[in-house]
Amino acid sequence: MNDCLFCKIIAGEIPGNKVYENDRVFAFRDINPQAPTHVLIVPKKHMANILECDAETAAALTDAVGVIARQEGVAESGFRLVSNCGPHGCQSVHHLHVHLLGGEQLTERMA
């Protein structure tokens, strides 16, 4: 997508603080972190939200979550995954992304 912020980050047109990349997934730190560890995990292929996600992409995202959680040191202590979908779900960027939040005891306010 020509005007998609996350597509531009993946393409290197806009800087992003990359923490992980493979052939299907790109992950980078959120610019407005809500926890000490706040990583966005996105498929390289543009899809608007989780409703457009195919099984292969879902598997790639899930695999990346495990790698990144261990890499970031939150696999043992725990973390939260969030994927907002649509306007009522507070989705602000219309490219499927999963927030990985951790690094401290998370509260209900972050649900």
C-alpha atoms as a PDB file:
ATOM      1  CA  MET A   1       0.000   0.000   0.000  1.00  0.00           C
ATOM      2  CA  ASN A   2       1.403   3.361  -1.002  1.00  0.00           C
ATOM      3  CA  ASP A   3       0.232   5.286   2.054  1.00  0.00           C
ATOM      4  CA  CYS A   4       0.580   2.610   4.756  1.00  0.00           C
ATOM      5  CA  LEU A   5       2.899   3.683   7.570  1.00  0.00           C
ATOM      6  CA  PHE A   6       3.933   0.125   8.425  1.00  0.00           C
ATOM      7  CA  CYS A   7       4.582  -0.790   4.782  1.00  0.00           C
ATOM      8  CA  LYS A   8       6.895   2.246   4.599  1.00  0.00           C
ATOM      9  CA  ILE A   9       8.739   1.145   7.749  1.00  0.00           C
ATOM     10  CA  ILE A  10       9.133  -2.395   6.375  1.00  0.00           C
ATOM     11  CA  ALA A  11      10.449  -0.980   3.074  1.00  0.00           C
ATOM     12  CA  GLY A  12      12.944   1.254   4.916  1.00  0.00           C
ATOM     13  CA  GLU A  13      11.317   4.447   3.647  1.00  0.00           C
ATOM     14  CA  ILE A  14      10.625   5.538   7.235  1.00  0.00           C
ATOM     15  CA  PRO A  15      13.003   4.699  10.085  1.00  0.00           C
ATOM     16  CA  GLY A  16      11.927   2.004  12.507  1.00  0.00           C
ATOM     17  CA  ASN A  17      13.809   0.524  15.453  1.00  0.00           C
ATOM     18  CA  LYS A  18      13.896  -3.048  14.134  1.00  0.00           C
ATOM     19  CA  VAL A  19      14.189  -5.885  16.640  1.00  0.00           C
ATOM     20  CA  TYR A  20      13.448  -8.860  14.357  1.00  0.00           C
ATOM     21  CA  GLU A  21      12.948  -9.733  10.714  1.00  0.00           C
ATOM     22  CA  ASN A  22      12.503 -12.832   8.602  1.00  0.00           C
ATOM     23  CA  ASP A  23      11.021 -13.454   5.155  1.00  0.00           C
ATOM     24  CA  ARG A  24       7.389 -12.992   6.348  1.00  0.00           C
ATOM     25  CA  VAL A  25       7.516 -10.829   9.486  1.00  0.00           C
ATOM     26  CA  PHE A  26       9.025  -7.513  10.584  1.00  0.00           C
ATOM     27  CA  ALA A  27       9.096  -6.331  14.212  1.00  0.00           C
ATOM     28  CA  PHE A  28      10.047  -2.968  15.650  1.00  0.00           C
ATOM     29  CA  ARG A  29       9.744  -0.957  18.848  1.00  0.00           C
ATOM     30  CA  ASP A  30       6.612   1.131  19.331  1.00  0.00           C
ATOM     31  CA  ILE A  31       7.357   4.874  19.214  1.00  0.00           C
ATOM     32  CA  ASN A  32       4.927   5.452  22.105  1.00  0.00           C
ATOM     33  CA  PRO A  33       5.641   2.477  24.401  1.00  0.00           C
ATOM     34  CA  GLN A  34       3.002   1.473  26.917  1.00  0.00           C
ATOM     35  CA  ALA A  35       5.374  -0.883  28.778  1.00  0.00           C
ATOM     36  CA  PRO A  36       9.161  -1.257  29.119  1.00  0.00           C
ATOM     37  CA  THR A  37       9.008  -3.806  26.305  1.00  0.00           C
ATOM     38  CA  HIS A  38       6.584  -2.764  23.551  1.00  0.00           C
ATOM     39  CA  VAL A  39       7.256  -4.343  20.169  1.00  0.00           C
ATOM     40  CA  LEU A  40       4.985  -4.285  17.122  1.00  0.00           C
ATOM     41  CA  ILE A  41       5.035  -7.497  15.095  1.00  0.00           C
ATOM     42  CA  VAL A  42       3.691  -7.115  11.556  1.00  0.00           C
ATOM     43  CA  PRO A  43       3.437  -9.294   8.467  1.00  0.00           C
ATOM     44  CA  LYS A  44       5.476  -7.986   5.546  1.00  0.00           C
ATOM     45  CA  LYS A  45       2.502  -8.591   3.281  1.00  0.00           C
ATOM     46  CA  HIS A  46      -0.072  -5.851   3.731  1.00  0.00           C
ATOM     47  CA  MET A  47      -3.342  -6.936   5.267  1.00  0.00           C
ATOM     48  CA  ALA A  48      -5.668  -4.549   7.056  1.00  0.00           C
ATOM     49  CA  ASN A  49      -6.306  -6.566  10.218  1.00  0.00           C
ATOM     50  CA  ILE A  50      -6.590 -10.016  11.749  1.00  0.00           C
ATOM     51  CA  LEU A  51      -9.715 -10.765   9.686  1.00  0.00           C
ATOM     52  CA  GLU A  52      -7.564 -10.784   6.526  1.00  0.00           C
ATOM     53  CA  CYS A  53      -4.870 -13.016   8.042  1.00  0.00           C
ATOM     54  CA  ASP A  54      -4.234 -16.405   6.450  1.00  0.00           C
ATOM     55  CA  ALA A  55      -2.988 -19.484   8.322  1.00  0.00           C
ATOM     56  CA  GLU A  56       0.618 -19.185   7.092  1.00  0.00           C
ATOM     57  CA  THR A  57       0.849 -15.561   8.196  1.00  0.00           C
ATOM     58  CA  ALA A  58      -0.734 -16.377  11.564  1.00  0.00           C
ATOM     59  CA  ALA A  59       1.843 -19.133  12.075  1.00  0.00           C
ATOM     60  CA  ALA A  60       4.695 -16.791  11.115  1.00  0.00           C
ATOM     61  CA  LEU A  61       3.452 -14.136  13.551  1.00  0.00           C
ATOM     62  CA  THR A  62       3.121 -16.708  16.341  1.00  0.00           C
ATOM     63  CA  ASP A  63       6.621 -18.051  15.709  1.00  0.00           C
ATOM     64  CA  ALA A  64       7.998 -14.496  15.769  1.00  0.00           C
ATOM     65  CA  VAL A  65       6.273 -13.819  19.106  1.00  0.00           C
ATOM     66  CA  GLY A  66       8.201 -16.683  20.708  1.00  0.00           C
ATOM     67  CA  VAL A  67      11.541 -15.587  19.284  1.00  0.00           C
ATOM     68  CA  ILE A  68      11.012 -11.944  20.249  1.00  0.00           C
ATOM     69  CA  ALA A  69       9.711 -12.724  23.768  1.00  0.00           C
ATOM     70  CA  ARG A  70      12.854 -14.756  24.465  1.00  0.00           C
ATOM     71  CA  GLN A  71      15.103 -12.180  22.796  1.00  0.00           C
ATOM     72  CA  GLU A  72      13.545  -9.347  24.861  1.00  0.00           C
ATOM     73  CA  GLY A  73      13.774 -11.325  28.117  1.00  0.00           C
ATOM     74  CA  VAL A  74      10.030 -11.488  28.822  1.00  0.00           C
ATOM     75  CA  ALA A  75       9.303 -15.122  27.953  1.00  0.00           C
ATOM     76  CA  GLU A  76       9.697 -16.343  31.539  1.00  0.00           C
ATOM     77  CA  SER A  77       8.114 -13.415  33.396  1.00  0.00           C
ATOM     78  CA  GLY A  78       5.202 -13.072  30.984  1.00  0.00           C
ATOM     79  CA  PHE A  79       3.824 -10.631  28.461  1.00  0.00           C
ATOM     80  CA  ARG A  80       0.618  -9.524  26.794  1.00  0.00           C
ATOM     81  CA  LEU A  81      -0.316  -9.751  23.103  1.00  0.00           C
ATOM     82  CA  VAL A  82      -2.873  -7.320  21.675  1.00  0.00           C
ATOM     83  CA  SER A  83      -4.206  -6.911  18.158  1.00  0.00           C
ATOM     84  CA  ASN A  84      -6.723  -4.119  17.668  1.00  0.00           C
ATOM     85  CA  CYS A  85      -9.235  -4.587  14.869  1.00  0.00           C
ATOM     86  CA  GLY A  86     -11.287  -1.814  13.278  1.00  0.00           C
ATOM     87  CA  PRO A  87     -12.497   1.522  14.615  1.00  0.00           C
ATOM     88  CA  HIS A  88     -14.351   0.169  17.651  1.00  0.00           C
ATOM     89  CA  GLY A  89     -11.281  -1.926  18.469  1.00  0.00           C
ATOM     90  CA  CYS A  90      -9.122   1.235  18.474  1.00  0.00           C
ATOM     91  CA  GLN A  91      -7.017   0.188  15.467  1.00  0.00           C
ATOM     92  CA  SER A  92      -4.997   3.274  14.481  1.00  0.00           C
ATOM     93  CA  VAL A  93      -2.814   1.835  11.688  1.00  0.00           C
ATOM     94  CA  HIS A  94      -4.681  -0.329   9.203  1.00  0.00           C
ATOM     95  CA  HIS A  95      -1.962  -2.915   8.704  1.00  0.00           C
ATOM     96  CA  LEU A  96      -2.266  -6.051  10.818  1.00  0.00           C
ATOM     97  CA  HIS A  97       0.000  -5.777  13.836  1.00  0.00           C
ATOM     98  CA  VAL A  98       0.389  -7.464  17.187  1.00  0.00           C
ATOM     99  CA  HIS A  99       1.609  -5.535  20.222  1.00  0.00           C
ATOM    100  CA  LEU A 100       3.949  -7.502  22.495  1.00  0.00           C
ATOM    101  CA  LEU A 101       3.960  -5.774  25.901  1.00  0.00           C
ATOM    102  CA  GLY A 102       6.010  -6.808  28.911  1.00  0.00           C
ATOM    103  CA  GLY A 103       8.934  -6.043  31.155  1.00  0.00           C
ATOM    104  CA  GLU A 104       6.850  -5.173  34.225  1.00  0.00           C
ATOM    105  CA  GLN A 105       3.725  -6.307  36.003  1.00  0.00           C
ATOM    106  CA  LEU A 106       0.970  -5.243  33.603  1.00  0.00           C
ATOM    107  CA  THR A 107      -2.280  -3.855  34.959  1.00  0.00           C
ATOM    108  CA  GLU A 108      -5.878  -4.196  33.884  1.00  0.00           C
ATOM    109  CA  ARG A 109      -5.738  -0.664  32.413  1.00  0.00           C
ATOM    110  CA  MET A 110      -3.699  -2.141  29.573  1.00  0.00           C
ATOM    111  CA  ALA A 111      -6.289  -4.788  28.702  1.00  0.00           C
END
